Amino acid sequence: RASLERWRRIAIEACKQSRNPFLPEIGEPATVRESLAQVAETDTVAYADAGGGPPDGLAADGGRLYLYIGPEGGLTGAEREVLAARGARPVGLGDNILRVETAAVAGAVLALMRTSM
């Protein structure tokens, strides 16, 4: 399992390589409930789900996007309930089951596409 500092170094190098001025935040592992405590009312919250709808409107005006992605089996029912109570909506990332690291990249690309369209 990679250390937090290693993941941060990887993110920095990826941003340099792609000339991306937006460094993603990489924090300590947290439960869904713990991480939602950091979410502001102006932020958009969504989660990847095979039965989710299109990612239209993922980019929040004036807020951040929090896109929750579970392991290959998806988020647990309890995690989805916590997210739904916060107003999160399920979004699909395609027809295939993706590895978590691939799903994170797919989600980031979809969010970037929504902001530039």
C-alpha atoms as a PDB file:
ATOM      1  CA  ARG A   1       0.000   0.000   0.000  1.00  0.00           C
ATOM      2  CA  ALA A   2       1.415   3.334  -1.045  1.00  0.00           C
ATOM      3  CA  SER A   3       2.136   6.012   1.508  1.00  0.00           C
ATOM      4  CA  LEU A   4       0.309   9.329   1.486  1.00  0.00           C
ATOM      5  CA  GLU A   5       3.507  11.176   0.584  1.00  0.00           C
ATOM      6  CA  ARG A   6       4.101   8.834  -2.351  1.00  0.00           C
ATOM      7  CA  TRP A   7       0.593   9.529  -3.697  1.00  0.00           C
ATOM      8  CA  ARG A   8       1.204  13.265  -3.324  1.00  0.00           C
ATOM      9  CA  ARG A   9       4.513  13.009  -5.219  1.00  0.00           C
ATOM     10  CA  ILE A  10       2.776  11.050  -7.979  1.00  0.00           C
ATOM     11  CA  ALA A  11       0.064  13.728  -8.233  1.00  0.00           C
ATOM     12  CA  ILE A  12       2.658  16.510  -8.432  1.00  0.00           C
ATOM     13  CA  GLU A  13       4.620  14.716 -11.149  1.00  0.00           C
ATOM     14  CA  ALA A  14       1.434  13.978 -13.117  1.00  0.00           C
ATOM     15  CA  CYS A  15       0.442  17.654 -12.951  1.00  0.00           C
ATOM     16  CA  LYS A  16       3.895  18.726 -14.129  1.00  0.00           C
ATOM     17  CA  GLN A  17       3.874  16.220 -16.981  1.00  0.00           C
ATOM     18  CA  SER A  18       0.415  17.250 -18.174  1.00  0.00           C
ATOM     19  CA  ARG A  19       0.970  20.980 -17.481  1.00  0.00           C
ATOM     20  CA  ASN A  20      -2.078  20.890 -15.222  1.00  0.00           C
ATOM     21  CA  PRO A  21      -2.067  23.836 -12.802  1.00  0.00           C
ATOM     22  CA  PHE A  22      -4.679  22.200 -10.534  1.00  0.00           C
ATOM     23  CA  LEU A  23      -3.132  19.875  -7.982  1.00  0.00           C
ATOM     24  CA  PRO A  24      -5.707  17.491  -6.509  1.00  0.00           C
ATOM     25  CA  GLU A  25      -5.877  17.268  -2.745  1.00  0.00           C
ATOM     26  CA  ILE A  26      -4.840  13.919  -1.355  1.00  0.00           C
ATOM     27  CA  GLY A  27      -5.750  13.485   2.278  1.00  0.00           C
ATOM     28  CA  GLU A  28      -5.620  10.886   4.972  1.00  0.00           C
ATOM     29  CA  PRO A  29      -8.004   7.960   4.596  1.00  0.00           C
ATOM     30  CA  ALA A  30     -11.417   8.751   6.089  1.00  0.00           C
ATOM     31  CA  THR A  31     -14.875   7.233   6.225  1.00  0.00           C
ATOM     32  CA  VAL A  32     -17.595   8.688   4.007  1.00  0.00           C
ATOM     33  CA  ARG A  33     -19.216  10.303   7.040  1.00  0.00           C
ATOM     34  CA  GLU A  34     -15.910  11.833   8.194  1.00  0.00           C
ATOM     35  CA  SER A  35     -15.124  13.238   4.759  1.00  0.00           C
ATOM     36  CA  LEU A  36     -18.600  14.715   4.333  1.00  0.00           C
ATOM     37  CA  ALA A  37     -17.920  16.885   7.385  1.00  0.00           C
ATOM     38  CA  GLN A  38     -15.524  18.857   5.149  1.00  0.00           C
ATOM     39  CA  VAL A  39     -18.112  19.469   2.412  1.00  0.00           C
ATOM     40  CA  ALA A  40     -19.670  22.938   2.185  1.00  0.00           C
ATOM     41  CA  GLU A  41     -23.264  23.662   1.161  1.00  0.00           C
ATOM     42  CA  THR A  42     -22.048  25.157  -2.128  1.00  0.00           C
ATOM     43  CA  ASP A  43     -20.195  21.962  -3.056  1.00  0.00           C
ATOM     44  CA  THR A  44     -21.500  19.246  -5.344  1.00  0.00           C
ATOM     45  CA  VAL A  45     -21.470  15.673  -4.040  1.00  0.00           C
ATOM     46  CA  ALA A  46     -21.846  12.628  -6.275  1.00  0.00           C
ATOM     47  CA  TYR A  47     -20.818   9.003  -6.225  1.00  0.00           C
ATOM     48  CA  ALA A  48     -19.912   6.546  -8.944  1.00  0.00           C
ATOM     49  CA  ASP A  49     -22.566   3.885  -9.351  1.00  0.00           C
ATOM     50  CA  ALA A  50     -23.232   1.405 -12.147  1.00  0.00           C
ATOM     51  CA  GLY A  51     -26.921   2.374 -12.083  1.00  0.00           C
ATOM     52  CA  GLY A  52     -26.209   6.099 -11.946  1.00  0.00           C
ATOM     53  CA  GLY A  53     -27.290   8.664 -14.461  1.00  0.00           C
ATOM     54  CA  PRO A  54     -25.183  10.809 -16.761  1.00  0.00           C
ATOM     55  CA  PRO A  55     -22.601  13.086 -15.175  1.00  0.00           C
ATOM     56  CA  ASP A  56     -24.388  16.228 -16.335  1.00  0.00           C
ATOM     57  CA  GLY A  57     -23.958  19.121 -13.952  1.00  0.00           C
ATOM     58  CA  LEU A  58     -21.069  17.635 -11.998  1.00  0.00           C
ATOM     59  CA  ALA A  59     -19.201  20.915 -11.880  1.00  0.00           C
ATOM     60  CA  ALA A  60     -20.477  23.073  -9.062  1.00  0.00           C
ATOM     61  CA  ASP A  61     -20.738  26.805  -9.568  1.00  0.00           C
ATOM     62  CA  GLY A  62     -18.588  28.375  -6.885  1.00  0.00           C
ATOM     63  CA  GLY A  63     -17.939  25.135  -5.038  1.00  0.00           C
ATOM     64  CA  ARG A  64     -15.877  21.994  -5.152  1.00  0.00           C
ATOM     65  CA  LEU A  65     -16.838  18.638  -6.575  1.00  0.00           C
ATOM     66  CA  TYR A  66     -16.664  15.626  -4.287  1.00  0.00           C
ATOM     67  CA  LEU A  67     -16.936  12.421  -6.300  1.00  0.00           C
ATOM     68  CA  TYR A  68     -16.952   9.294  -4.160  1.00  0.00           C
ATOM     69  CA  ILE A  69     -15.645   6.117  -5.745  1.00  0.00           C
ATOM     70  CA  GLY A  70     -15.738   2.737  -4.059  1.00  0.00           C
ATOM     71  CA  PRO A  71     -13.736  -0.390  -4.789  1.00  0.00           C
ATOM     72  CA  GLU A  72     -14.627  -2.678  -7.687  1.00  0.00           C
ATOM     73  CA  GLY A  73     -17.681  -3.878  -5.767  1.00  0.00           C
ATOM     74  CA  GLY A  74     -18.889  -0.294  -5.308  1.00  0.00           C
ATOM     75  CA  LEU A  75     -19.849   1.580  -2.183  1.00  0.00           C
ATOM     76  CA  THR A  76     -21.731  -0.236   0.546  1.00  0.00           C
ATOM     77  CA  GLY A  77     -25.453   0.316   1.043  1.00  0.00           C
ATOM     78  CA  ALA A  78     -24.715   2.210   4.271  1.00  0.00           C
ATOM     79  CA  GLU A  79     -22.238   4.498   2.478  1.00  0.00           C
ATOM     80  CA  ARG A  80     -24.767   5.219  -0.284  1.00  0.00           C
ATOM     81  CA  GLU A  81     -27.393   6.059   2.365  1.00  0.00           C
ATOM     82  CA  VAL A  82     -25.041   8.540   4.075  1.00  0.00           C
ATOM     83  CA  LEU A  83     -24.276  10.156   0.719  1.00  0.00           C
ATOM     84  CA  ALA A  84     -27.938  10.297  -0.299  1.00  0.00           C
ATOM     85  CA  ALA A  85     -28.803  11.993   2.998  1.00  0.00           C
ATOM     86  CA  ARG A  86     -26.296  14.719   2.033  1.00  0.00           C
ATOM     87  CA  GLY A  87     -27.954  15.086  -1.387  1.00  0.00           C
ATOM     88  CA  ALA A  88     -25.376  13.181  -3.386  1.00  0.00           C
ATOM     89  CA  ARG A  89     -26.520  11.693  -6.642  1.00  0.00           C
ATOM     90  CA  PRO A  90     -25.265   8.558  -8.362  1.00  0.00           C
ATOM     91  CA  VAL A  91     -23.449   9.008 -11.657  1.00  0.00           C
ATOM     92  CA  GLY A  92     -22.389   6.382 -14.147  1.00  0.00           C
ATOM     93  CA  LEU A  93     -18.824   6.203 -15.416  1.00  0.00           C
ATOM     94  CA  GLY A  94     -19.550   3.896 -18.342  1.00  0.00           C
ATOM     95  CA  ASP A  95     -20.663   0.354 -18.955  1.00  0.00           C
ATOM     96  CA  ASN A  96     -17.567  -1.383 -17.591  1.00  0.00           C
ATOM     97  CA  ILE A  97     -16.564  -2.125 -14.017  1.00  0.00           C
ATOM     98  CA  LEU A  98     -13.459  -0.026 -13.406  1.00  0.00           C
ATOM     99  CA  ARG A  99     -10.637  -0.410 -10.945  1.00  0.00           C
ATOM    100  CA  VAL A 100     -10.774   2.329  -8.324  1.00  0.00           C
ATOM    101  CA  GLU A 101      -7.713   4.133  -9.701  1.00  0.00           C
ATOM    102  CA  THR A 102      -9.166   4.043 -13.226  1.00  0.00           C
ATOM    103  CA  ALA A 103     -12.591   5.176 -12.002  1.00  0.00           C
ATOM    104  CA  ALA A 104     -10.984   8.148 -10.241  1.00  0.00           C
ATOM    105  CA  VAL A 105      -9.315   9.233 -13.477  1.00  0.00           C
ATOM    106  CA  ALA A 106     -12.536   8.702 -15.461  1.00  0.00           C
ATOM    107  CA  GLY A 107     -14.472  10.769 -12.916  1.00  0.00           C
ATOM    108  CA  ALA A 108     -11.891  13.567 -13.028  1.00  0.00           C
ATOM    109  CA  VAL A 109     -12.000  13.656 -16.832  1.00  0.00           C
ATOM    110  CA  LEU A 110     -15.791  13.835 -16.841  1.00  0.00           C
ATOM    111  CA  ALA A 111     -15.716  16.664 -14.317  1.00  0.00           C
ATOM    112  CA  LEU A 112     -13.122  18.569 -16.363  1.00  0.00           C
ATOM    113  CA  MET A 113     -15.167  18.079 -19.523  1.00  0.00           C
ATOM    114  CA  ARG A 114     -18.255  19.474 -17.785  1.00  0.00           C
ATOM    115  CA  THR A 115     -16.417  22.618 -16.716  1.00  0.00           C
ATOM    116  CA  SER A 116     -14.989  23.272 -20.162  1.00  0.00           C
ATOM    117  CA  MET A 117     -18.175  22.677 -22.154  1.00  0.00           C
END
